[in-house]
Amino acid sequence: MSAVERLAEIPGQAAAVGPFSHAVIANGFVFTSGQIPAITGLDDQPDTFEGQVRQTIENLRTVLEAAGSSLAHVVKVNTYLTDPSQLEEYNRVYVEYFGTAKPARTSVCVSLWGVSLEIECVAVLATAEQEAS
């Protein structure tokens, strides 16, 4: 593997909506692009905010696993919501996926294009974590 590996396409994942990779692997870390609640594309998203959060985190899981990592290896999360009132519901779903792992996290409210949230993260490669132990 080269020093930097880019994952532009991931089987089972909606295509990137711009000129970027879903993830970049470098120096034992996976840096994901922001994942959105798209199932097959922007026009195919869950109807409820809870469903959108779940779909976004599942998309994140798919990207991380394709890169050789997992949600359990996430060390930093950046969350972008479109409405501050979404935070409580977001947190309820978030804790189901991240539990007591509690990665470092930043949450902000922004205006997004056709989606209610976006999540990006940094994770350790599973092999890198095992080598460090």
Protein backbone atom coordinates (compact mmCIF):
# COMPACT_ATOMS: atom_id res chain seq x y z
CA MET A 1 0.00 0.00 0.00
CA SER A 2 1.29 3.47 -0.84
CA ALA A 3 1.75 6.09 1.86
CA VAL A 4 -1.64 7.56 0.92
CA GLU A 5 -4.57 5.55 -0.41
CA ARG A 6 -7.74 7.19 -1.72
CA LEU A 7 -11.10 5.41 -1.76
CA ALA A 8 -13.05 7.23 -4.45
CA GLU A 9 -15.65 4.50 -4.98
CA ILE A 10 -16.98 2.05 -2.41
CA PRO A 11 -19.24 -0.90 -3.33
CA GLY A 12 -22.72 -0.45 -1.85
CA GLN A 13 -22.16 3.25 -1.23
CA ALA A 14 -23.86 6.09 -3.09
CA ALA A 15 -21.43 7.79 -5.44
CA ALA A 16 -19.64 10.86 -4.15
CA VAL A 17 -21.57 14.02 -5.08
CA GLY A 18 -18.41 15.91 -6.03
CA PRO A 19 -14.74 15.57 -6.95
CA PHE A 20 -13.54 13.92 -3.73
CA SER A 21 -12.81 10.53 -2.18
CA HIS A 22 -15.08 8.90 0.39
CA ALA A 23 -11.97 8.32 2.50
CA VAL A 24 -8.23 8.75 2.49
CA ILE A 25 -5.93 6.39 4.38
CA ALA A 26 -2.64 7.88 5.58
CA ASN A 27 -0.16 7.07 8.35
CA GLY A 28 -2.40 4.53 10.06
CA PHE A 29 -5.50 6.74 10.03
CA VAL A 30 -8.68 6.88 7.96
CA PHE A 31 -10.01 10.35 7.18
CA THR A 32 -13.56 10.23 5.87
CA SER A 33 -15.38 12.79 3.79
CA GLY A 34 -18.69 13.96 5.18
CA GLN A 35 -21.30 11.23 4.89
CA ILE A 36 -24.95 12.11 4.33
CA PRO A 37 -28.21 10.14 4.68
CA ALA A 38 -28.28 9.16 0.99
CA ILE A 39 -29.25 5.55 0.35
CA THR A 40 -28.66 5.43 -3.42
CA GLY A 41 -28.41 9.19 -4.05
CA LEU A 42 -29.61 12.60 -2.83
CA ASP A 43 -33.19 11.83 -3.88
CA ASP A 44 -33.25 8.61 -1.83
CA GLN A 45 -33.14 9.40 1.91
CA PRO A 46 -35.09 8.19 4.96
CA ASP A 47 -38.20 10.27 5.77
CA THR A 48 -37.53 10.87 9.47
CA PHE A 49 -34.58 12.66 11.06
CA GLU A 50 -33.87 9.58 13.21
CA GLY A 51 -33.76 7.45 10.06
CA GLN A 52 -31.47 9.98 8.41
CA VAL A 53 -29.06 9.86 11.35
CA ARG A 54 -29.03 6.05 11.23
CA GLN A 55 -28.47 6.02 7.46
CA THR A 56 -25.64 8.55 7.75
CA ILE A 57 -23.88 6.52 10.44
CA GLU A 58 -24.41 3.31 8.44
CA ASN A 59 -22.85 5.06 5.43
CA LEU A 60 -19.95 6.07 7.66
CA ARG A 61 -19.63 2.45 8.84
CA THR A 62 -19.50 1.23 5.22
CA VAL A 63 -16.73 3.69 4.35
CA LEU A 64 -14.71 2.84 7.46
CA GLU A 65 -14.99 -0.91 6.88
CA ALA A 66 -13.96 -0.52 3.23
CA ALA A 67 -10.88 1.34 4.50
CA GLY A 68 -9.97 -1.37 7.04
CA SER A 69 -11.39 0.30 10.14
CA SER A 70 -14.72 0.47 11.98
CA LEU A 71 -16.90 2.66 14.17
CA ALA A 72 -15.09 1.18 17.18
CA HIS A 73 -11.83 2.71 15.92
CA VAL A 74 -13.16 6.27 15.52
CA VAL A 75 -11.19 8.86 17.48
CA LYS A 76 -12.76 12.13 16.19
CA VAL A 77 -16.20 13.01 14.81
CA ASN A 78 -17.36 16.25 13.21
CA THR A 79 -21.13 16.61 12.95
CA TYR A 80 -22.98 19.19 10.89
CA LEU A 81 -26.68 19.69 11.67
CA THR A 82 -29.08 22.12 10.01
CA ASP A 83 -31.09 22.96 13.14
CA PRO A 84 -29.96 23.18 16.80
CA SER A 85 -33.19 21.46 17.88
CA GLN A 86 -31.92 18.26 16.17
CA LEU A 87 -29.09 17.78 18.68
CA GLU A 88 -31.04 15.86 21.33
CA GLU A 89 -32.45 13.33 18.83
CA TYR A 90 -29.05 13.10 17.12
CA ASN A 91 -27.38 12.30 20.46
CA ARG A 92 -29.91 9.53 21.22
CA VAL A 93 -29.07 7.72 17.98
CA TYR A 94 -25.35 8.55 18.11
CA VAL A 95 -24.89 6.87 21.50
CA GLU A 96 -26.45 3.65 20.13
CA TYR A 97 -23.60 3.43 17.64
CA PHE A 98 -20.68 4.83 19.65
CA GLY A 99 -21.78 3.85 23.18
CA THR A 100 -19.10 4.28 25.79
CA ALA A 101 -16.29 4.72 23.21
CA LYS A 102 -17.05 8.46 23.16
CA PRO A 103 -14.75 9.74 20.40
CA ALA A 104 -13.81 13.43 20.53
CA ARG A 105 -16.59 15.34 18.76
CA THR A 106 -17.49 18.74 17.37
CA SER A 107 -21.10 19.56 16.44
CA VAL A 108 -22.12 22.68 14.56
CA CYS A 109 -25.22 24.00 12.80
CA VAL A 110 -24.83 24.92 9.15
CA SER A 111 -26.80 25.21 5.95
CA LEU A 112 -26.42 22.06 3.83
CA TRP A 113 -27.47 21.22 0.26
CA GLY A 114 -30.55 18.98 0.35
CA VAL A 115 -29.68 17.06 3.54
CA SER A 116 -30.35 17.57 7.24
CA LEU A 117 -26.96 16.39 8.51
CA GLU A 118 -23.45 15.37 7.54
CA ILE A 119 -20.89 13.44 9.59
CA GLU A 120 -17.16 13.01 9.02
CA CYS A 121 -14.60 11.29 11.18
CA VAL A 122 -11.02 10.21 11.74
CA ALA A 123 -10.40 6.61 12.72
CA VAL A 124 -7.40 4.43 13.41
CA LEU A 125 -6.85 1.54 11.02
CA ALA A 126 -7.65 -1.71 12.78
CA THR A 127 -4.16 -3.05 12.00
CA ALA A 128 -2.47 0.10 13.27
CA GLU A 129 -4.31 -0.13 16.59
CA GLN A 130 -3.35 -3.80 17.00
CA GLU A 131 0.31 -3.03 16.26
CA ALA A 132 0.34 -0.25 18.87
CA SER A 133 -0.97 -2.53 21.64
